[in-house]
């Protein structure tokens, strides 16, 4: 299968802050694309765990199968996302439904499909592309005590996959 002719659909709830929409849709996509993630360990920046992947090469290649398009769909809330999931199941479209484990209040936030060919895409044609709709909640910036968005200090704990 040439992935250049395929599309991956990402569905994300738009009743959560914009930053979470980005993070949650990426979680779903990562889990759909790479269901067997390497084991991650917590290590200090001292270099105790320097390997990124559990493989010996530290390089992930997909071969010459092309690259699918990504179609981002915004849904208004969790009920709409549950309807999307039900439709994907009814159509037997392979997908991954992401539930946020670290912030239980978010729950079910996003879905990613496997690459879909044209007949499968046609079954999803009624969904609208994601469009920024503003936020009823105040968007929050994350600060590490230095500059918003900067990298943590060198003494911070980090996650390293090994």
Protein backbone atom coordinates (compact mmCIF):
# COMPACT_ATOMS: atom_id res chain seq x y z
CA UNK A 1 0.00 0.00 0.00
CA UNK A 2 1.32 3.42 -0.93
CA UNK A 3 0.54 5.76 1.94
CA UNK A 4 0.67 8.80 -0.38
CA UNK A 5 -2.86 7.82 -1.44
CA UNK A 6 -4.14 7.52 2.14
CA UNK A 7 -5.30 9.81 4.91
CA UNK A 8 -5.19 9.51 8.68
CA UNK A 9 -8.13 11.11 10.47
CA UNK A 10 -7.59 12.76 13.85
CA UNK A 11 -10.67 13.65 15.86
CA UNK A 12 -10.24 15.90 18.90
CA UNK A 13 -12.62 17.45 21.40
CA UNK A 14 -12.84 21.23 21.15
CA UNK A 15 -14.28 21.78 24.61
CA UNK A 16 -10.79 21.46 26.11
CA UNK A 17 -8.06 24.14 26.03
CA UNK A 18 -6.22 24.56 22.73
CA UNK A 19 -2.92 23.30 24.17
CA UNK A 20 -4.68 20.12 25.30
CA UNK A 21 -6.26 19.69 21.87
CA UNK A 22 -2.75 19.67 20.39
CA UNK A 23 -1.33 17.30 23.00
CA UNK A 24 -4.28 14.91 23.06
CA UNK A 25 -4.51 14.57 19.27
CA UNK A 26 -0.79 13.83 19.15
CA UNK A 27 -1.13 11.18 21.86
CA UNK A 28 -3.83 9.43 19.83
CA UNK A 29 -1.77 9.62 16.65
CA UNK A 30 1.36 8.30 18.34
CA UNK A 31 -0.49 5.36 19.86
CA UNK A 32 -2.17 4.53 16.54
CA UNK A 33 1.10 4.73 14.61
CA UNK A 34 3.30 3.04 17.18
CA UNK A 35 1.26 0.72 19.41
CA UNK A 36 4.27 -0.95 21.00
CA UNK A 37 6.18 1.96 22.46
CA UNK A 38 9.53 1.21 24.11
CA UNK A 39 9.61 1.18 27.88
CA UNK A 40 10.32 4.63 29.32
CA UNK A 41 12.23 5.17 32.54
CA UNK A 42 12.68 8.24 34.69
CA UNK A 43 16.30 9.34 34.87
CA UNK A 44 18.13 12.40 36.08
CA UNK A 45 19.83 14.57 33.47
CA UNK A 46 23.12 13.12 34.70
CA UNK A 47 23.05 10.84 31.65
CA UNK A 48 22.01 7.69 33.50
CA UNK A 49 19.69 6.77 30.64
CA UNK A 50 21.09 8.06 27.37
CA UNK A 51 19.30 5.78 24.91
CA UNK A 52 16.10 7.12 23.37
CA UNK A 53 14.66 3.91 21.95
CA UNK A 54 14.82 0.31 23.10
CA UNK A 55 16.33 -0.61 19.73
CA UNK A 56 20.01 -0.65 18.96
CA UNK A 57 19.83 2.03 16.25
CA UNK A 58 17.94 4.96 17.82
CA UNK A 59 16.41 5.54 14.37
CA UNK A 60 12.85 4.76 13.38
CA UNK A 61 12.30 4.28 9.64
CA UNK A 62 9.08 3.65 7.80
CA UNK A 63 10.60 2.57 4.53
CA UNK A 64 9.49 3.81 1.15
CA UNK A 65 5.75 3.50 1.66
CA UNK A 66 4.97 7.18 1.28
CA UNK A 67 3.34 9.56 3.73
CA UNK A 68 -0.39 9.80 4.42
CA UNK A 69 -2.25 13.08 4.65
CA UNK A 70 -3.50 14.01 8.10
CA UNK A 71 -7.03 15.32 8.37
CA UNK A 72 -7.82 17.03 11.68
CA UNK A 73 -11.48 17.05 12.69
CA UNK A 74 -12.81 19.04 15.65
CA UNK A 75 -15.80 17.72 17.57
CA UNK A 76 -17.65 19.81 20.16
CA UNK A 77 -17.49 17.50 23.19
CA UNK A 78 -17.06 13.98 24.56
CA UNK A 79 -20.56 12.88 23.43
CA UNK A 80 -19.72 13.80 19.85
CA UNK A 81 -16.40 11.94 20.15
CA UNK A 82 -18.25 8.87 21.43
CA UNK A 83 -20.51 9.06 18.35
CA UNK A 84 -17.41 9.18 16.11
CA UNK A 85 -16.01 6.11 17.88
CA UNK A 86 -19.29 4.25 17.42
CA UNK A 87 -19.33 5.12 13.70
CA UNK A 88 -15.72 3.98 13.22
CA UNK A 89 -16.55 0.71 14.96
CA UNK A 90 -19.70 0.24 12.86
CA UNK A 91 -17.66 0.86 9.68
CA UNK A 92 -14.87 -1.41 10.98
CA UNK A 93 -12.27 1.33 10.58
CA UNK A 94 -9.16 0.66 12.62
CA UNK A 95 -8.60 3.43 15.16
CA UNK A 96 -7.13 4.29 18.55
CA UNK A 97 -9.28 6.06 21.14
CA UNK A 98 -7.09 8.07 23.53
CA UNK A 99 -8.07 8.59 27.17
CA UNK A 100 -5.85 10.95 29.15
CA UNK A 101 -4.35 8.94 32.04
CA UNK A 102 -2.59 11.81 33.83
CA UNK A 103 -5.55 14.17 34.10
CA UNK A 104 -8.60 11.99 34.82
CA UNK A 105 -10.93 14.97 34.44
CA UNK A 106 -10.15 15.07 30.71
CA UNK A 107 -11.05 11.45 30.04
CA UNK A 108 -11.75 10.53 26.41
CA UNK A 109 -10.17 13.28 24.30
CA UNK A 110 -9.09 12.12 20.83
CA UNK A 111 -9.18 9.40 18.18
CA UNK A 112 -6.73 8.58 15.40
CA UNK A 113 -7.50 6.24 12.53
CA UNK A 114 -5.19 3.99 10.62
CA UNK A 115 -4.36 5.27 7.11
CA UNK A 116 -7.58 5.19 5.08
CA UNK A 117 -7.99 4.69 1.36
CA UNK A 118 -10.46 6.69 -0.74
CA UNK A 119 -13.53 4.45 -0.20
CA UNK A 120 -12.98 4.59 3.57
CA UNK A 121 -12.42 8.35 3.49
CA UNK A 122 -15.68 8.78 1.59
CA UNK A 123 -17.51 7.26 4.58
CA UNK A 124 -16.17 10.11 6.75
CA UNK A 125 -16.81 12.97 4.32
CA UNK A 126 -19.49 14.60 6.48
CA UNK A 127 -17.07 15.64 9.23
CA UNK A 128 -15.80 19.21 9.23
CA UNK A 129 -12.14 20.13 9.46
CA UNK A 130 -10.88 21.44 12.79
CA UNK A 131 -11.26 25.20 13.03
CA UNK A 132 -10.12 27.40 15.86
CA UNK A 133 -13.21 28.33 17.77
CA UNK A 134 -11.66 30.29 20.61
CA UNK A 135 -11.94 29.05 24.13
CA UNK A 136 -14.48 29.64 26.83
CA UNK A 137 -11.77 28.78 29.33
CA UNK A 138 -8.72 30.91 29.88
CA UNK A 139 -5.76 29.33 28.13
CA UNK A 140 -2.96 28.71 30.59
CA UNK A 141 0.72 29.05 29.84
CA UNK A 142 3.10 26.65 31.50
CA UNK A 143 6.08 28.10 33.28
CA UNK A 144 9.08 26.39 34.78
CA UNK A 145 9.87 29.43 36.89
CA UNK A 146 12.08 30.95 34.22
CA UNK A 147 10.66 31.88 30.82
CA UNK A 148 7.30 30.52 29.68
CA UNK A 149 7.88 27.70 27.21
CA UNK A 150 11.61 27.38 27.84
CA UNK A 151 13.28 24.06 28.55
CA UNK A 152 13.50 22.93 32.17
CA UNK A 153 16.67 23.63 34.06
CA UNK A 154 19.53 21.11 33.62
CA UNK A 155 18.94 19.68 37.10
CA UNK A 156 15.33 18.75 36.34
CA UNK A 157 14.11 15.18 36.13
CA UNK A 158 13.35 14.04 32.59
CA UNK A 159 11.84 11.05 30.87
CA UNK A 160 14.23 9.01 28.75
CA UNK A 161 13.05 6.01 26.76
CA UNK A 162 15.38 3.05 26.92
